[in-house]
C-alpha cells in the first residue's frame, strides 16, 4: 500500500477525532470529514501528478468551471474539481487507464465516490453545515473498509505502471 505520508497523517487525525468524539452526541464531527477529504485530495493529486509525467497534450487539457487548464501545472485540484476531471474528461481518462494500475476504477467508480463524498459530506462540513453522525459513520466506514472494501486501500494501489 502506497499512501502519501500527508494522506496517512490526515487519516490518522480523522480517526483520532472520530474515536475521541464518537460517543459524545453533542460533538460536531465535521472536522473528521474535513480530514478524510484532505487525505483523499492529497492522495488523488499525487496520483495525477505522477501519471501526467509524459502525458500527451490532449490528455493534459482539463475544463474546470468555465476555463481550460493544463495538468499538471494546475495541480493541486480540490475534491470537486478532481471528481469532475476524473469522471468528465475522456482524453484524460483514456490516458490514466493506459498508465495507471486500476486506472479504470480511478476514472469511473472513484470519480463517483469523490463526487458523492464532496456533495454529501465534505462541502457541508467545510462550510459550517451540520453533518449527521450517521453520514460521518457511513463515510468513515466506506473510506476505511469497515464492512466493505476500503476506498483508501484501493486508492493506495492506484499507481503508475
Protein backbone atom coordinates (compact mmCIF):
# COMPACT_ATOMS: atom_id res chain seq x y z
CA UNK A 1 0.00 0.00 0.00
CA UNK A 2 1.45 3.35 -1.06
CA UNK A 3 -0.41 6.17 0.65
CA UNK A 4 1.36 9.51 0.67
CA UNK A 5 2.74 10.47 4.12
CA UNK A 6 0.43 13.50 4.27
CA UNK A 7 -2.58 11.37 3.41
CA UNK A 8 -1.65 8.95 6.21
CA UNK A 9 -1.39 11.86 8.66
CA UNK A 10 -4.83 13.19 7.70
CA UNK A 11 -6.34 9.71 8.03
CA UNK A 12 -4.76 9.31 11.46
CA UNK A 13 -6.02 12.71 12.58
CA UNK A 14 -9.52 11.95 11.30
CA UNK A 15 -9.62 8.58 13.01
CA UNK A 16 -8.33 10.03 16.28
CA UNK A 17 -11.00 12.74 16.18
CA UNK A 18 -13.68 10.18 15.40
CA UNK A 19 -12.66 7.83 18.20
CA UNK A 20 -12.32 10.66 20.72
CA UNK A 21 -15.81 12.04 19.99
CA UNK A 22 -17.93 9.21 18.61
CA UNK A 23 -19.80 8.68 21.88
CA UNK A 24 -20.43 12.39 22.50
CA UNK A 25 -23.80 13.20 20.87
CA UNK A 26 -23.08 16.94 21.14
CA UNK A 27 -19.78 16.74 19.30
CA UNK A 28 -19.52 18.11 15.77
CA UNK A 29 -17.70 15.55 13.64
CA UNK A 30 -17.29 17.94 10.70
CA UNK A 31 -13.53 18.15 11.30
CA UNK A 32 -13.33 14.37 10.88
CA UNK A 33 -14.96 14.60 7.44
CA UNK A 34 -12.69 17.50 6.51
CA UNK A 35 -9.59 15.47 7.39
CA UNK A 36 -10.82 12.46 5.40
CA UNK A 37 -11.37 14.84 2.49
CA UNK A 38 -7.85 16.21 2.79
CA UNK A 39 -6.46 12.66 2.71
CA UNK A 40 -8.45 11.88 -0.45
CA UNK A 41 -7.43 15.16 -2.05
CA UNK A 42 -3.74 14.77 -1.28
CA UNK A 43 -3.57 11.16 -2.48
CA UNK A 44 -5.54 11.82 -5.66
CA UNK A 45 -3.42 14.83 -6.58
CA UNK A 46 -0.24 12.80 -6.02
CA UNK A 47 -1.50 10.04 -8.32
CA UNK A 48 -2.41 12.58 -11.01
CA UNK A 49 0.94 14.35 -10.70
CA UNK A 50 2.81 11.09 -11.29
CA UNK A 51 0.50 9.96 -14.10
CA UNK A 52 0.75 13.22 -16.04
CA UNK A 53 4.51 12.94 -16.50
CA UNK A 54 4.89 12.41 -20.24
CA UNK A 55 1.15 12.68 -20.94
CA UNK A 56 0.06 13.75 -24.42
CA UNK A 57 -1.12 17.34 -24.74
CA UNK A 58 -4.74 16.32 -25.39
CA UNK A 59 -4.86 14.49 -22.02
CA UNK A 60 -3.39 17.49 -20.20
CA UNK A 61 -6.26 19.85 -21.08
CA UNK A 62 -8.97 19.79 -18.41
CA UNK A 63 -12.00 22.04 -18.19
CA UNK A 64 -12.62 23.45 -14.72
CA UNK A 65 -15.73 25.56 -14.35
CA UNK A 66 -15.61 27.94 -17.33
CA UNK A 67 -11.95 27.70 -18.32
CA UNK A 68 -9.49 25.07 -19.51
CA UNK A 69 -6.28 24.39 -17.58
CA UNK A 70 -3.21 22.28 -18.23
CA UNK A 71 -2.37 19.41 -15.91
CA UNK A 72 -0.08 19.01 -14.02
CA UNK A 73 0.55 22.77 -13.87
CA UNK A 74 -2.92 23.33 -12.36
CA UNK A 75 -2.38 20.77 -9.58
CA UNK A 76 -3.32 20.54 -6.79
CA UNK A 77 -7.03 20.48 -7.54
CA UNK A 78 -9.81 20.49 -4.95
CA UNK A 79 -12.05 17.44 -4.44
CA UNK A 80 -14.92 18.65 -6.61
CA UNK A 81 -12.52 19.59 -9.39
CA UNK A 82 -10.82 16.21 -9.12
CA UNK A 83 -14.16 14.41 -9.39
CA UNK A 84 -15.14 16.41 -12.49
CA UNK A 85 -11.74 15.99 -14.16
CA UNK A 86 -11.52 12.24 -13.50
CA UNK A 87 -15.09 11.49 -14.44
CA UNK A 88 -15.69 14.03 -17.17
CA UNK A 89 -12.58 14.30 -19.30
CA UNK A 90 -12.50 11.48 -21.86
CA UNK A 91 -8.92 12.08 -23.08
CA UNK A 92 -7.58 12.32 -19.53
CA UNK A 93 -9.44 9.15 -18.53
CA UNK A 94 -8.06 7.25 -21.54
CA UNK A 95 -4.52 8.32 -20.65
CA UNK A 96 -4.95 7.39 -17.00
CA UNK A 97 -6.34 3.97 -17.95
CA UNK A 98 -3.20 3.37 -20.02
CA UNK A 99 -0.64 4.45 -17.43
CA UNK A 100 -2.17 3.54 -14.07
CA UNK A 101 -2.73 0.25 -12.35
CA UNK A 102 -6.52 0.19 -11.78
CA UNK A 103 -6.95 3.33 -13.89
CA UNK A 104 -10.45 2.28 -14.94
CA UNK A 105 -11.65 2.21 -11.33
CA UNK A 106 -9.86 5.52 -10.66
CA UNK A 107 -11.60 7.33 -13.53
CA UNK A 108 -15.03 5.75 -13.16
CA UNK A 109 -16.06 4.41 -9.74
CA UNK A 110 -13.63 6.54 -7.75
CA UNK A 111 -14.70 9.72 -9.57
CA UNK A 112 -18.29 8.98 -8.49
CA UNK A 113 -17.17 8.25 -4.92
CA UNK A 114 -15.32 11.59 -4.81
CA UNK A 115 -18.32 13.45 -6.19
CA UNK A 116 -20.71 11.85 -3.68
CA UNK A 117 -18.35 12.36 -0.74
CA UNK A 118 -17.86 16.01 -1.69
CA UNK A 119 -21.55 16.82 -2.07
CA UNK A 120 -22.90 14.71 0.83
CA UNK A 121 -20.25 15.27 3.48
CA UNK A 122 -17.17 17.32 2.71
CA UNK A 123 -18.77 20.51 1.35
CA UNK A 124 -21.37 20.76 4.11
CA UNK A 125 -18.73 20.06 6.81
CA UNK A 126 -16.27 22.55 5.38
CA UNK A 127 -18.88 25.29 5.04
CA UNK A 128 -20.17 25.03 8.58
CA UNK A 129 -23.29 22.96 7.99
CA UNK A 130 -24.09 20.14 10.38
CA UNK A 131 -23.28 16.70 9.01
CA UNK A 132 -25.26 13.95 10.67
CA UNK A 133 -23.43 11.41 12.77
CA UNK A 134 -24.87 8.68 10.52
CA UNK A 135 -23.33 10.34 7.45
CA UNK A 136 -19.94 10.62 9.16
CA UNK A 137 -20.04 6.96 10.24
CA UNK A 138 -21.19 5.79 6.80
CA UNK A 139 -18.36 7.65 5.01
CA UNK A 140 -15.75 6.65 7.59
CA UNK A 141 -16.73 3.01 7.19
CA UNK A 142 -16.68 3.23 3.40
CA UNK A 143 -13.33 5.01 3.24
CA UNK A 144 -11.63 2.75 5.78
CA UNK A 145 -13.32 -0.51 4.77
CA UNK A 146 -15.48 -1.30 7.77
CA UNK A 147 -17.86 -3.96 6.47
CA UNK A 148 -16.87 -3.40 2.83
CA UNK A 149 -13.89 -2.76 0.58
CA UNK A 150 -11.77 0.18 1.72
CA UNK A 151 -11.73 3.09 -0.70
CA UNK A 152 -8.43 4.27 0.75
CA UNK A 153 -6.79 0.86 0.36
CA UNK A 154 -7.97 0.62 -3.24
CA UNK A 155 -6.78 4.17 -3.90
CA UNK A 156 -3.38 3.33 -2.42
CA UNK A 157 -2.99 0.60 -5.04
CA UNK A 158 -3.54 3.04 -7.93
CA UNK A 159 -0.08 3.82 -9.17
CA UNK A 160 1.82 4.45 -12.36
CA UNK A 161 2.66 1.28 -14.28
